[in-house]
Amino acid sequence: MLELAVLGLLHASPLHGYELRQRLKATLGTFRAFSYGSLYPTLRRMRDAGWITDEEGDAEVLAGAPALTGRRGKVVYRLTAEGKERFQELLGEAGPSSWEDETFGVHFAFFAQTAPEVRLRILEGRRTRLEERREGVRTSLARTRERLDTYTLQLQEHGLESVEREVRWLTELLETERRAAPAVHPPAHPAHAPPTAPPGPPAGPRPAP
């Protein structure tokens, strides 16, 4: 998740370490608590893999990164060609790992750069996962409602409402995505059309009698 977020942000532009941290916090903070302690080991691993570079110097001269205000570190992170390939590879992943709570939000943050068919698979998978969760909560509530105190019951019902709200949101997104999908046009020559007669020999002068 963090790898995808770093690659996605650097794909837009090179960034100072401080600016990268701030943008990661804005991107990931909506979906989970972001630990700065996990960032720098991830950056070192990505650098060793050849996906990013980190250089010290003036950002505007070095990499065209946004101007930095205040007294901050001057390391600038920039995406390499291999990093761009890795970013596209991660964008194309649409399996169960992209439907989970911690990863779906990050994939969604870069949907503008994701292929339409991949967006549909991720949205459908996420909705299915939440529908399963919703049914589990409903079943649990039906079994235990009489034994729960008022506050625990309200907490369970609040969780159920949150899941139902996200399922509705995903359904609306899926409808929008499908409406925007390009229509598949029928072939210009249907398969049942009669075959065209092969052309005859070219016309020439008729032989004399």
C-alpha atoms as a PDB file:
ATOM      1  CA  MET A   1       0.000   0.000   0.000  1.00  0.00           C
ATOM      2  CA  LEU A   2       2.715   2.475   0.988  1.00  0.00           C
ATOM      3  CA  GLU A   3       4.769   1.510  -2.060  1.00  0.00           C
ATOM      4  CA  LEU A   4       1.861   2.223  -4.404  1.00  0.00           C
ATOM      5  CA  ALA A   5       1.182   5.565  -2.714  1.00  0.00           C
ATOM      6  CA  VAL A   6       4.839   6.681  -2.945  1.00  0.00           C
ATOM      7  CA  LEU A   7       5.113   5.679  -6.600  1.00  0.00           C
ATOM      8  CA  GLY A   8       1.825   7.382  -7.416  1.00  0.00           C
ATOM      9  CA  LEU A   9       2.794  10.667  -5.790  1.00  0.00           C
ATOM     10  CA  LEU A  10       6.259  10.706  -7.361  1.00  0.00           C
ATOM     11  CA  HIS A  11       4.727   9.848 -10.714  1.00  0.00           C
ATOM     12  CA  ALA A  12       3.107  13.294 -10.638  1.00  0.00           C
ATOM     13  CA  SER A  13       6.325  15.136  -9.732  1.00  0.00           C
ATOM     14  CA  PRO A  14       9.592  14.792  -7.782  1.00  0.00           C
ATOM     15  CA  LEU A  15       9.151  15.696  -4.110  1.00  0.00           C
ATOM     16  CA  HIS A  16      11.208  16.728  -1.132  1.00  0.00           C
ATOM     17  CA  GLY A  17      11.089  14.216   1.693  1.00  0.00           C
ATOM     18  CA  TYR A  18       9.040  16.600   3.826  1.00  0.00           C
ATOM     19  CA  GLU A  19       6.534  17.291   1.048  1.00  0.00           C
ATOM     20  CA  LEU A  20       6.296  13.561   0.306  1.00  0.00           C
ATOM     21  CA  ARG A  21       5.458  12.855   3.943  1.00  0.00           C
ATOM     22  CA  GLN A  22       2.782  15.542   3.969  1.00  0.00           C
ATOM     23  CA  ARG A  23       1.139  14.274   0.799  1.00  0.00           C
ATOM     24  CA  LEU A  24       1.275  10.682   2.018  1.00  0.00           C
ATOM     25  CA  LYS A  25      -0.415  11.737   5.203  1.00  0.00           C
ATOM     26  CA  ALA A  26      -3.158  13.475   3.213  1.00  0.00           C
ATOM     27  CA  THR A  27      -3.576  10.452   0.921  1.00  0.00           C
ATOM     28  CA  LEU A  28      -3.361   7.645   3.470  1.00  0.00           C
ATOM     29  CA  GLY A  29      -4.652   9.386   6.553  1.00  0.00           C
ATOM     30  CA  THR A  30      -8.214   9.125   5.290  1.00  0.00           C
ATOM     31  CA  PHE A  31      -7.984   5.354   5.208  1.00  0.00           C
ATOM     32  CA  ARG A  32      -5.623   4.379   8.052  1.00  0.00           C
ATOM     33  CA  ALA A  33      -3.198   5.725  10.611  1.00  0.00           C
ATOM     34  CA  PHE A  34       0.053   6.458   8.795  1.00  0.00           C
ATOM     35  CA  SER A  35       3.305   5.699  10.591  1.00  0.00           C
ATOM     36  CA  TYR A  36       6.290   7.793   9.546  1.00  0.00           C
ATOM     37  CA  GLY A  37       8.486   5.045  10.985  1.00  0.00           C
ATOM     38  CA  SER A  38       7.529   2.778   8.079  1.00  0.00           C
ATOM     39  CA  LEU A  39       8.235   5.371   5.392  1.00  0.00           C
ATOM     40  CA  TYR A  40      12.019   5.557   5.345  1.00  0.00           C
ATOM     41  CA  PRO A  41      12.646   1.775   5.318  1.00  0.00           C
ATOM     42  CA  THR A  42      10.202   1.609   2.407  1.00  0.00           C
ATOM     43  CA  LEU A  43      12.000   4.423   0.579  1.00  0.00           C
ATOM     44  CA  ARG A  44      15.380   2.710   1.051  1.00  0.00           C
ATOM     45  CA  ARG A  45      13.992  -0.567  -0.247  1.00  0.00           C
ATOM     46  CA  MET A  46      12.467   1.170  -3.262  1.00  0.00           C
ATOM     47  CA  ARG A  47      15.731   2.971  -3.947  1.00  0.00           C
ATOM     48  CA  ASP A  48      17.658  -0.313  -3.760  1.00  0.00           C
ATOM     49  CA  ALA A  49      15.156  -1.838  -6.193  1.00  0.00           C
ATOM     50  CA  GLY A  50      15.891   0.986  -8.648  1.00  0.00           C
ATOM     51  CA  TRP A  51      12.387   2.446  -8.587  1.00  0.00           C
ATOM     52  CA  ILE A  52      13.291   5.838  -7.108  1.00  0.00           C
ATOM     53  CA  THR A  53      16.349   8.019  -6.638  1.00  0.00           C
ATOM     54  CA  ASP A  54      17.141  10.237  -3.663  1.00  0.00           C
ATOM     55  CA  GLU A  55      19.538  13.132  -4.141  1.00  0.00           C
ATOM     56  CA  GLU A  56      20.516  16.083  -2.006  1.00  0.00           C
ATOM     57  CA  GLY A  57      20.502  19.588  -3.389  1.00  0.00           C
ATOM     58  CA  ASP A  58      18.261  22.400  -4.454  1.00  0.00           C
ATOM     59  CA  ALA A  59      15.026  20.847  -5.656  1.00  0.00           C
ATOM     60  CA  GLU A  60      14.278  23.370  -8.398  1.00  0.00           C
ATOM     61  CA  VAL A  61      17.721  22.838  -9.927  1.00  0.00           C
ATOM     62  CA  LEU A  62      17.915  19.144  -9.178  1.00  0.00           C
ATOM     63  CA  ALA A  63      14.542  17.809 -10.176  1.00  0.00           C
ATOM     64  CA  GLY A  64      11.945  20.519 -10.667  1.00  0.00           C
ATOM     65  CA  ALA A  65      10.269  19.619  -7.373  1.00  0.00           C
ATOM     66  CA  PRO A  66       7.937  22.135  -5.707  1.00  0.00           C
ATOM     67  CA  ALA A  67       9.625  24.920  -3.761  1.00  0.00           C
ATOM     68  CA  LEU A  68      10.336  24.127  -0.131  1.00  0.00           C
ATOM     69  CA  THR A  69       9.590  26.634   2.616  1.00  0.00           C
ATOM     70  CA  GLY A  70      11.129  26.690   6.069  1.00  0.00           C
ATOM     71  CA  ARG A  71      14.103  24.780   7.404  1.00  0.00           C
ATOM     72  CA  ARG A  72      13.602  21.235   6.144  1.00  0.00           C
ATOM     73  CA  GLY A  73      15.682  18.405   4.749  1.00  0.00           C
ATOM     74  CA  LYS A  74      16.800  18.832   1.144  1.00  0.00           C
ATOM     75  CA  VAL A  75      16.591  15.256  -0.110  1.00  0.00           C
ATOM     76  CA  VAL A  76      14.539  15.053  -3.303  1.00  0.00           C
ATOM     77  CA  TYR A  77      12.870  11.799  -4.358  1.00  0.00           C
ATOM     78  CA  ARG A  78      12.258  11.135  -8.029  1.00  0.00           C
ATOM     79  CA  LEU A  79      10.755   8.245  -9.984  1.00  0.00           C
ATOM     80  CA  THR A  80      12.942   6.231 -12.372  1.00  0.00           C
ATOM     81  CA  ALA A  81      11.853   4.497 -15.574  1.00  0.00           C
ATOM     82  CA  GLU A  82      11.739   1.217 -13.630  1.00  0.00           C
ATOM     83  CA  GLY A  83       9.632   2.940 -11.001  1.00  0.00           C
ATOM     84  CA  LYS A  84       7.119   4.042 -13.618  1.00  0.00           C
ATOM     85  CA  GLU A  85       6.852   0.447 -14.830  1.00  0.00           C
ATOM     86  CA  ARG A  86       6.360  -0.775 -11.257  1.00  0.00           C
ATOM     87  CA  PHE A  87       3.641   1.830 -10.705  1.00  0.00           C
ATOM     88  CA  GLN A  88       1.744   0.653 -13.786  1.00  0.00           C
ATOM     89  CA  GLU A  89       2.128  -2.937 -12.625  1.00  0.00           C
ATOM     90  CA  LEU A  90       0.626  -2.121  -9.223  1.00  0.00           C
ATOM     91  CA  LEU A  91      -2.195  -0.118 -10.813  1.00  0.00           C
ATOM     92  CA  GLY A  92      -3.162  -3.193 -12.807  1.00  0.00           C
ATOM     93  CA  GLU A  93      -3.632  -5.395  -9.733  1.00  0.00           C
ATOM     94  CA  ALA A  94      -7.319  -6.063  -9.148  1.00  0.00           C
ATOM     95  CA  GLY A  95      -7.285  -9.156  -6.938  1.00  0.00           C
ATOM     96  CA  PRO A  96      -8.580  -9.628  -3.375  1.00  0.00           C
ATOM     97  CA  SER A  97      -5.712  -7.653  -1.857  1.00  0.00           C
ATOM     98  CA  SER A  98      -7.006  -4.483  -3.568  1.00  0.00           C
ATOM     99  CA  TRP A  99     -10.451  -4.871  -1.967  1.00  0.00           C
ATOM    100  CA  GLU A 100      -9.318  -4.762   1.659  1.00  0.00           C
ATOM    101  CA  ASP A 101      -9.844  -1.781   3.969  1.00  0.00           C
ATOM    102  CA  GLU A 102      -6.180  -0.720   4.037  1.00  0.00           C
ATOM    103  CA  THR A 103      -5.523  -1.009   0.312  1.00  0.00           C
ATOM    104  CA  PHE A 104      -8.780  -0.115  -1.431  1.00  0.00           C
ATOM    105  CA  GLY A 105      -8.534   3.555  -0.525  1.00  0.00           C
ATOM    106  CA  VAL A 106      -5.016   3.858  -1.947  1.00  0.00           C
ATOM    107  CA  HIS A 107      -6.031   2.187  -5.205  1.00  0.00           C
ATOM    108  CA  PHE A 108      -9.046   4.486  -5.359  1.00  0.00           C
ATOM    109  CA  ALA A 109      -6.826   7.548  -4.872  1.00  0.00           C
ATOM    110  CA  PHE A 110      -5.111   6.716  -8.189  1.00  0.00           C
ATOM    111  CA  PHE A 111      -8.199   5.615 -10.138  1.00  0.00           C
ATOM    112  CA  ALA A 112      -7.710   8.480 -12.596  1.00  0.00           C
ATOM    113  CA  GLN A 113      -4.580   6.680 -13.835  1.00  0.00           C
ATOM    114  CA  THR A 114      -6.102   3.183 -13.691  1.00  0.00           C
ATOM    115  CA  ALA A 115      -7.580   1.341 -16.684  1.00  0.00           C
ATOM    116  CA  PRO A 116     -11.417   1.324 -16.721  1.00  0.00           C
ATOM    117  CA  GLU A 117     -11.688  -2.476 -16.654  1.00  0.00           C
ATOM    118  CA  VAL A 118      -9.403  -2.627 -13.609  1.00  0.00           C
ATOM    119  CA  ARG A 119     -11.464   0.036 -11.833  1.00  0.00           C
ATOM    120  CA  LEU A 120     -14.601  -2.029 -12.417  1.00  0.00           C
ATOM    121  CA  ARG A 121     -13.031  -5.221 -11.049  1.00  0.00           C
ATOM    122  CA  ILE A 122     -11.801  -3.452  -7.925  1.00  0.00           C
ATOM    123  CA  LEU A 123     -15.151  -1.764  -7.284  1.00  0.00           C
ATOM    124  CA  GLU A 124     -17.061  -5.006  -7.838  1.00  0.00           C
ATOM    125  CA  GLY A 125     -14.707  -6.926  -5.568  1.00  0.00           C
ATOM    126  CA  ARG A 126     -14.922  -4.290  -2.848  1.00  0.00           C
ATOM    127  CA  ARG A 127     -18.714  -4.275  -2.985  1.00  0.00           C
ATOM    128  CA  THR A 128     -18.870  -8.064  -2.780  1.00  0.00           C
ATOM    129  CA  ARG A 129     -16.528  -8.033   0.212  1.00  0.00           C
ATOM    130  CA  LEU A 130     -18.685  -5.446   2.004  1.00  0.00           C
ATOM    131  CA  GLU A 131     -21.915  -7.259   1.182  1.00  0.00           C
ATOM    132  CA  GLU A 132     -20.469 -10.361   2.837  1.00  0.00           C
ATOM    133  CA  ARG A 133     -19.470  -8.278   5.857  1.00  0.00           C
ATOM    134  CA  ARG A 134     -22.942  -6.720   6.002  1.00  0.00           C
ATOM    135  CA  GLU A 135     -24.636 -10.113   6.059  1.00  0.00           C
ATOM    136  CA  GLY A 136     -22.269 -11.264   8.808  1.00  0.00           C
ATOM    137  CA  VAL A 137     -23.104  -8.257  10.981  1.00  0.00           C
ATOM    138  CA  ARG A 138     -26.828  -8.735  10.384  1.00  0.00           C
ATOM    139  CA  THR A 139     -26.621 -12.386  11.369  1.00  0.00           C
ATOM    140  CA  SER A 140     -24.619 -11.559  14.485  1.00  0.00           C
ATOM    141  CA  LEU A 141     -27.081  -8.855  15.518  1.00  0.00           C
ATOM    142  CA  ALA A 142     -30.053 -11.176  15.045  1.00  0.00           C
ATOM    143  CA  ARG A 143     -28.446 -13.750  17.365  1.00  0.00           C
ATOM    144  CA  THR A 144     -27.167 -11.429  20.074  1.00  0.00           C
ATOM    145  CA  ARG A 145     -29.472  -8.379  20.046  1.00  0.00           C
ATOM    146  CA  GLU A 146     -31.337  -9.418  23.197  1.00  0.00           C
ATOM    147  CA  ARG A 147     -28.088  -9.944  25.129  1.00  0.00           C
ATOM    148  CA  LEU A 148     -26.390  -6.645  24.226  1.00  0.00           C
ATOM    149  CA  ASP A 149     -26.516  -3.541  26.363  1.00  0.00           C
ATOM    150  CA  THR A 150     -27.797  -0.320  24.793  1.00  0.00           C
ATOM    151  CA  TYR A 151     -24.385   1.144  23.937  1.00  0.00           C
ATOM    152  CA  THR A 152     -22.943  -2.026  22.445  1.00  0.00           C
ATOM    153  CA  LEU A 153     -26.094  -2.449  20.376  1.00  0.00           C
ATOM    154  CA  GLN A 154     -25.870   1.123  19.094  1.00  0.00           C
ATOM    155  CA  LEU A 155     -22.213   0.578  18.189  1.00  0.00           C
ATOM    156  CA  GLN A 156     -23.091  -2.561  16.227  1.00  0.00           C
ATOM    157  CA  GLU A 157     -25.935  -0.802  14.440  1.00  0.00           C
ATOM    158  CA  HIS A 158     -23.675   2.145  13.615  1.00  0.00           C
ATOM    159  CA  GLY A 159     -21.160  -0.264  12.054  1.00  0.00           C
ATOM    160  CA  LEU A 160     -23.924  -1.876  10.017  1.00  0.00           C
ATOM    161  CA  GLU A 161     -25.131   1.518   8.777  1.00  0.00           C
ATOM    162  CA  SER A 162     -21.577   2.434   7.740  1.00  0.00           C
ATOM    163  CA  VAL A 163     -21.225  -0.762   5.707  1.00  0.00           C
ATOM    164  CA  GLU A 164     -24.638  -0.263   4.072  1.00  0.00           C
ATOM    165  CA  ARG A 165     -23.737   3.325   3.195  1.00  0.00           C
ATOM    166  CA  GLU A 166     -20.500   2.256   1.508  1.00  0.00           C
ATOM    167  CA  VAL A 167     -22.301  -0.487  -0.427  1.00  0.00           C
ATOM    168  CA  ARG A 168     -24.712   2.141  -1.806  1.00  0.00           C
ATOM    169  CA  TRP A 169     -21.795   4.419  -2.667  1.00  0.00           C
ATOM    170  CA  LEU A 170     -19.991   1.610  -4.508  1.00  0.00           C
ATOM    171  CA  THR A 171     -23.153   0.706  -6.403  1.00  0.00           C
ATOM    172  CA  GLU A 172     -23.482   4.305  -7.612  1.00  0.00           C
ATOM    173  CA  LEU A 173     -19.818   4.346  -8.649  1.00  0.00           C
ATOM    174  CA  LEU A 174     -20.239   1.108 -10.585  1.00  0.00           C
ATOM    175  CA  GLU A 175     -23.255   2.470 -12.418  1.00  0.00           C
ATOM    176  CA  THR A 176     -21.309   5.601 -13.336  1.00  0.00           C
ATOM    177  CA  GLU A 177     -18.320   3.559 -14.545  1.00  0.00           C
ATOM    178  CA  ARG A 178     -20.512   1.318 -16.693  1.00  0.00           C
ATOM    179  CA  ARG A 179     -22.309   4.262 -18.262  1.00  0.00           C
ATOM    180  CA  ALA A 180     -18.962   5.813 -19.128  1.00  0.00           C
ATOM    181  CA  ALA A 181     -17.599   2.575 -20.641  1.00  0.00           C
ATOM    182  CA  PRO A 182     -17.320   2.747 -24.459  1.00  0.00           C
ATOM    183  CA  ALA A 183     -20.095   0.922 -26.281  1.00  0.00           C
ATOM    184  CA  VAL A 184     -19.179  -2.194 -28.244  1.00  0.00           C
ATOM    185  CA  HIS A 185     -20.260  -1.630 -31.827  1.00  0.00           C
ATOM    186  CA  PRO A 186     -21.447  -4.563 -33.989  1.00  0.00           C
ATOM    187  CA  PRO A 187     -19.227  -5.625 -36.891  1.00  0.00           C
ATOM    188  CA  ALA A 188     -19.720  -3.689 -40.121  1.00  0.00           C
ATOM    189  CA  HIS A 189     -20.507  -6.928 -42.042  1.00  0.00           C
ATOM    190  CA  PRO A 190     -22.708  -9.329 -40.038  1.00  0.00           C
ATOM    191  CA  ALA A 191     -21.770 -12.987 -40.204  1.00  0.00           C
ATOM    192  CA  HIS A 192     -25.122 -13.910 -41.843  1.00  0.00           C
ATOM    193  CA  ALA A 193     -24.695 -11.492 -44.762  1.00  0.00           C
ATOM    194  CA  PRO A 194     -24.443 -13.232 -48.138  1.00  0.00           C
ATOM    195  CA  PRO A 195     -20.915 -13.577 -49.430  1.00  0.00           C
ATOM    196  CA  THR A 196     -19.794 -11.161 -52.082  1.00  0.00           C
ATOM    197  CA  ALA A 197     -19.177 -12.735 -55.488  1.00  0.00           C
ATOM    198  CA  PRO A 198     -15.494 -12.812 -56.406  1.00  0.00           C
ATOM    199  CA  PRO A 199     -14.521 -10.318 -59.084  1.00  0.00           C
ATOM    200  CA  GLY A 200     -14.314 -11.629 -62.625  1.00  0.00           C
ATOM    201  CA  PRO A 201     -11.378 -11.262 -64.985  1.00  0.00           C
ATOM    202  CA  PRO A 202     -10.607  -7.725 -66.058  1.00  0.00           C
ATOM    203  CA  ALA A 203     -12.511  -6.518 -69.110  1.00  0.00           C
ATOM    204  CA  GLY A 204     -10.436  -6.370 -72.298  1.00  0.00           C
ATOM    205  CA  PRO A 205     -10.930  -6.097 -76.041  1.00  0.00           C
ATOM    206  CA  ARG A 206     -13.172  -8.839 -77.443  1.00  0.00           C
ATOM    207  CA  PRO A 207     -11.465 -11.143 -79.947  1.00  0.00           C
ATOM    208  CA  ALA A 208     -12.310 -10.623 -83.606  1.00  0.00           C
ATOM    209  CA  PRO A 209     -14.775 -13.218 -85.080  1.00  0.00           C
END
